[in-house]
C-alpha atoms as a PDB file:
ATOM      1  CA  MET A   1     -15.024 -46.193   0.790  1.00  0.00           C
ATOM      2  CA  ASN A   2     -11.559 -47.083   2.032  1.00  0.00           C
ATOM      3  CA  ILE A   3      -9.499 -49.749   0.280  1.00  0.00           C
ATOM      4  CA  GLU A   4      -6.175 -51.273   1.153  1.00  0.00           C
ATOM      5  CA  VAL A   5      -3.789 -51.495  -1.803  1.00  0.00           C
ATOM      6  CA  LYS A   6      -0.361 -52.905  -2.506  1.00  0.00           C
ATOM      7  CA  VAL A   7       1.584 -50.450  -4.654  1.00  0.00           C
ATOM      8  CA  THR A   8       4.487 -51.186  -6.997  1.00  0.00           C
ATOM      9  CA  ALA A   9       6.252 -48.000  -8.059  1.00  0.00           C
ATOM     10  CA  GLY A  10       8.534 -47.840 -11.095  1.00  0.00           C
ATOM     11  CA  ALA A  11       6.446 -50.317 -13.123  1.00  0.00           C
ATOM     12  CA  LYS A  12       6.458 -50.471 -16.924  1.00  0.00           C
ATOM     13  CA  SER A  13       2.817 -49.376 -17.106  1.00  0.00           C
ATOM     14  CA  ASN A  14       0.033 -48.159 -14.856  1.00  0.00           C
ATOM     15  CA  SER A  15      -2.552 -50.710 -13.805  1.00  0.00           C
ATOM     16  CA  PHE A  16      -5.108 -51.354 -11.079  1.00  0.00           C
ATOM     17  CA  LYS A  17      -6.478 -54.821 -10.404  1.00  0.00           C
ATOM     18  CA  PHE A  18      -8.210 -56.906  -7.777  1.00  0.00           C
ATOM     19  CA  GLU A  19      -6.844 -60.423  -7.525  1.00  0.00           C
ATOM     20  CA  ASN A  20      -7.056 -63.042  -4.739  1.00  0.00           C
ATOM     21  CA  GLY A  21      -8.821 -60.572  -2.483  1.00  0.00           C
ATOM     22  CA  VAL A  22      -6.103 -57.902  -2.841  1.00  0.00           C
ATOM     23  CA  HIS A  23      -6.240 -54.525  -4.604  1.00  0.00           C
ATOM     24  CA  SER A  24      -2.934 -53.735  -6.308  1.00  0.00           C
ATOM     25  CA  ILE A  25      -1.727 -50.714  -8.175  1.00  0.00           C
ATOM     26  CA  ARG A  26       1.308 -50.693 -10.515  1.00  0.00           C
ATOM     27  CA  ILE A  27       2.448 -47.154 -11.216  1.00  0.00           C
ATOM     28  CA  MET A  28       5.203 -45.949 -13.548  1.00  0.00           C
ATOM     29  CA  ALA A  29       6.309 -43.061 -11.314  1.00  0.00           C
ATOM     30  CA  LYS A  30       9.235 -43.710  -8.941  1.00  0.00           C
ATOM     31  CA  ALA A  31       8.733 -43.457  -5.192  1.00  0.00           C
ATOM     32  CA  ILE A  32      10.823 -40.357  -4.920  1.00  0.00           C
ATOM     33  CA  ASP A  33       9.622 -37.091  -3.372  1.00  0.00           C
ATOM     34  CA  GLY A  34       6.006 -38.252  -3.290  1.00  0.00           C
ATOM     35  CA  LYS A  35       5.825 -38.605  -7.084  1.00  0.00           C
ATOM     36  CA  ALA A  36       4.363 -42.127  -6.900  1.00  0.00           C
ATOM     37  CA  ASN A  37       1.665 -41.028  -4.412  1.00  0.00           C
ATOM     38  CA  LYS A  38       0.643 -38.149  -6.656  1.00  0.00           C
ATOM     39  CA  ALA A  39       0.630 -40.472  -9.668  1.00  0.00           C
ATOM     40  CA  ILE A  40      -1.607 -42.919  -7.806  1.00  0.00           C
ATOM     41  CA  ILE A  41      -4.246 -40.258  -7.118  1.00  0.00           C
ATOM     42  CA  ASP A  42      -4.059 -38.965 -10.724  1.00  0.00           C
ATOM     43  CA  PHE A  43      -4.331 -42.523 -12.104  1.00  0.00           C
ATOM     44  CA  LEU A  44      -7.262 -43.500  -9.884  1.00  0.00           C
ATOM     45  CA  ALA A  45      -9.117 -40.304 -10.742  1.00  0.00           C
ATOM     46  CA  ASP A  46      -8.684 -40.993 -14.491  1.00  0.00           C
ATOM     47  CA  GLU A  47      -9.508 -44.685 -14.301  1.00  0.00           C
ATOM     48  CA  LEU A  48     -12.526 -44.421 -12.018  1.00  0.00           C
ATOM     49  CA  ASN A  49     -13.783 -41.196 -13.592  1.00  0.00           C
ATOM     50  CA  ILE A  50     -13.761 -39.268 -10.311  1.00  0.00           C
ATOM     51  CA  LYS A  51     -12.229 -35.950  -9.324  1.00  0.00           C
ATOM     52  CA  LYS A  52      -8.748 -36.000  -7.788  1.00  0.00           C
ATOM     53  CA  ARG A  53     -10.135 -34.572  -4.572  1.00  0.00           C
ATOM     54  CA  ASP A  54     -12.312 -37.697  -4.319  1.00  0.00           C
ATOM     55  CA  ALA A  55      -9.262 -39.932  -3.742  1.00  0.00           C
ATOM     56  CA  GLU A  56      -6.849 -39.517  -0.819  1.00  0.00           C
ATOM     57  CA  ILE A  57      -4.054 -41.590   0.744  1.00  0.00           C
ATOM     58  CA  LEU A  58      -5.028 -41.971   4.397  1.00  0.00           C
ATOM     59  CA  LYS A  59      -2.199 -44.212   5.564  1.00  0.00           C
ATOM     60  CA  GLY A  60       1.063 -45.501   4.188  1.00  0.00           C
ATOM     61  CA  GLU A  61       2.473 -42.572   2.284  1.00  0.00           C
ATOM     62  CA  LYS A  62       5.953 -43.956   2.701  1.00  0.00           C
ATOM     63  CA  ASN A  63       5.004 -47.600   2.466  1.00  0.00           C
ATOM     64  CA  SER A  64       3.998 -49.921  -0.372  1.00  0.00           C
ATOM     65  CA  LYS A  65       0.808 -50.883   1.528  1.00  0.00           C
ATOM     66  CA  LYS A  66      -1.581 -47.976   1.612  1.00  0.00           C
ATOM     67  CA  ILE A  67      -5.116 -47.183   2.736  1.00  0.00           C
ATOM     68  CA  ILE A  68      -6.813 -45.034   0.151  1.00  0.00           C
ATOM     69  CA  ALA A  69     -10.160 -43.273   0.605  1.00  0.00           C
ATOM     70  CA  ILE A  70     -12.138 -43.143  -2.646  1.00  0.00           C
ATOM     71  CA  ASN A  71     -15.411 -41.280  -2.886  1.00  0.00           C
ATOM     72  CA  ILE A  72     -17.142 -43.962  -4.934  1.00  0.00           C
ATOM     73  CA  ASN A  73     -19.701 -46.555  -3.906  1.00  0.00           C
ATOM     74  CA  GLU A  74     -18.720 -50.234  -3.764  1.00  0.00           C
ATOM     75  CA  ASN A  75     -20.923 -51.273  -6.685  1.00  0.00           C
ATOM     76  CA  ASP A  76     -19.382 -48.667  -9.008  1.00  0.00           C
ATOM     77  CA  LEU A  77     -15.909 -49.857  -8.022  1.00  0.00           C
ATOM     78  CA  LYS A  78     -16.932 -53.473  -8.696  1.00  0.00           C
ATOM     79  CA  LYS A  79     -18.187 -52.454 -12.160  1.00  0.00           C
ATOM     80  CA  TYR A  80     -14.729 -51.133 -12.915  1.00  0.00           C
ATOM     81  CA  PHE A  81     -13.233 -54.558 -12.242  1.00  0.00           C
ATOM     82  CA  ASP A  82     -15.915 -56.414 -14.206  1.00  0.00           C
ATOM     83  CA  ASN A  83     -14.919 -54.552 -17.456  1.00  0.00           C
END
């Protein structure tokens, strides 16, 4: 499934939430030399218990708004937010 996310790089901690109809990711890595993008994939893989190859940034590599493809079904993603 593809999700649109708003990314904040250089945050104090890593987090992923869904609020007011918007997915947002706060990532500690700075947006320098693709470090934040790599950290987003690593973080999502760990949090959603998927392989890194099952998450990919499709659009917005140099933007704070990104489209990310995640190989997970919608119900499993919703379970993550219900915890």
